[in-house]
Amino acid sequence: IELIFSYYYNKVEFARFTSSLGKFVGFTQFGLKNADYWNSDTSYLAQLNAQKETYCLNNIGIDYQAA
């Protein structure tokens, strides 16, 4: 299970958080600056990684039943 948050501006993805990496990755100059800033905040990264545990793992059974 992987939690992904993608950030877009003008239909172009500039940054993404993936729980498999546990950090943000930037794709544009703007995204690289934001990713560096967000990666420096360890409490924010811990919060996003905890969301995988609280949201994804609790709801995976429901999603598989619906499919």
Protein backbone atom coordinates (compact mmCIF):
# COMPACT_ATOMS: atom_id res chain seq x y z
CA ILE A 1 0.00 0.00 0.00
CA GLU A 2 1.31 3.40 -0.93
CA LEU A 3 -0.05 6.83 -0.06
CA ILE A 4 0.55 9.48 -2.73
CA PHE A 5 -0.16 13.20 -2.55
CA SER A 6 0.42 15.06 -5.82
CA TYR A 7 0.52 18.84 -6.10
CA TYR A 8 -0.41 20.53 -9.37
CA TYR A 9 -0.28 24.07 -10.69
CA ASN A 10 -1.68 24.91 -14.15
CA LYS A 11 -2.20 21.18 -14.82
CA VAL A 12 1.52 20.44 -14.26
CA GLU A 13 2.59 18.27 -11.35
CA PHE A 14 5.29 20.13 -9.45
CA ALA A 15 5.69 17.98 -6.32
CA ARG A 16 4.66 14.61 -4.93
CA PHE A 17 4.78 12.86 -1.57
CA THR A 18 5.04 9.09 -1.66
CA SER A 19 4.94 7.00 1.48
CA SER A 20 7.29 4.43 -0.05
CA LEU A 21 10.04 7.07 -0.13
CA GLY A 22 8.77 8.88 2.96
CA LYS A 23 9.55 12.28 1.50
CA PHE A 24 8.58 14.83 -1.13
CA VAL A 25 10.01 14.84 -4.64
CA GLY A 26 9.99 17.95 -6.83
CA PHE A 27 9.60 17.91 -10.60
CA THR A 28 9.99 21.61 -11.45
CA GLN A 29 12.12 24.43 -10.01
CA PHE A 30 9.15 25.54 -7.92
CA GLY A 31 8.53 21.94 -6.85
CA LEU A 32 12.16 21.36 -5.86
CA LYS A 33 12.10 24.41 -3.57
CA ASN A 34 8.84 23.33 -1.97
CA ALA A 35 10.01 19.73 -1.60
CA ASP A 36 13.18 20.87 0.18
CA TYR A 37 11.11 23.02 2.54
CA TRP A 38 8.56 20.27 3.27
CA ASN A 39 11.28 17.62 3.72
CA SER A 40 13.01 19.80 6.31
CA ASP A 41 9.90 19.64 8.53
CA THR A 42 10.19 16.21 10.15
CA SER A 43 6.92 16.53 12.05
CA TYR A 44 5.00 17.10 8.80
CA LEU A 45 6.64 14.03 7.22
CA ALA A 46 5.77 11.96 10.28
CA GLN A 47 2.17 13.16 10.05
CA LEU A 48 1.90 12.12 6.40
CA ASN A 49 3.47 8.73 7.09
CA ALA A 50 1.00 8.21 9.95
CA GLN A 51 -1.89 8.96 7.59
CA LYS A 52 -0.94 5.87 5.63
CA GLU A 53 -1.31 3.80 8.78
CA THR A 54 -4.57 5.38 9.91
CA TYR A 55 -6.37 5.77 6.59
CA CYS A 56 -5.04 3.28 4.07
CA LEU A 57 -4.52 0.23 6.24
CA ASN A 58 -7.94 0.57 7.91
CA ASN A 59 -9.83 0.97 4.63
CA ILE A 60 -8.02 -1.52 2.39
CA GLY A 61 -10.43 -4.32 3.29
CA ILE A 62 -13.41 -2.16 2.39
CA ASP A 63 -11.91 -1.25 -0.98
CA TYR A 64 -11.15 -4.86 -1.86
CA GLN A 65 -14.69 -5.95 -0.92
CA ALA A 66 -16.19 -3.29 -3.18
CA ALA A 67 -14.07 -4.41 -6.13
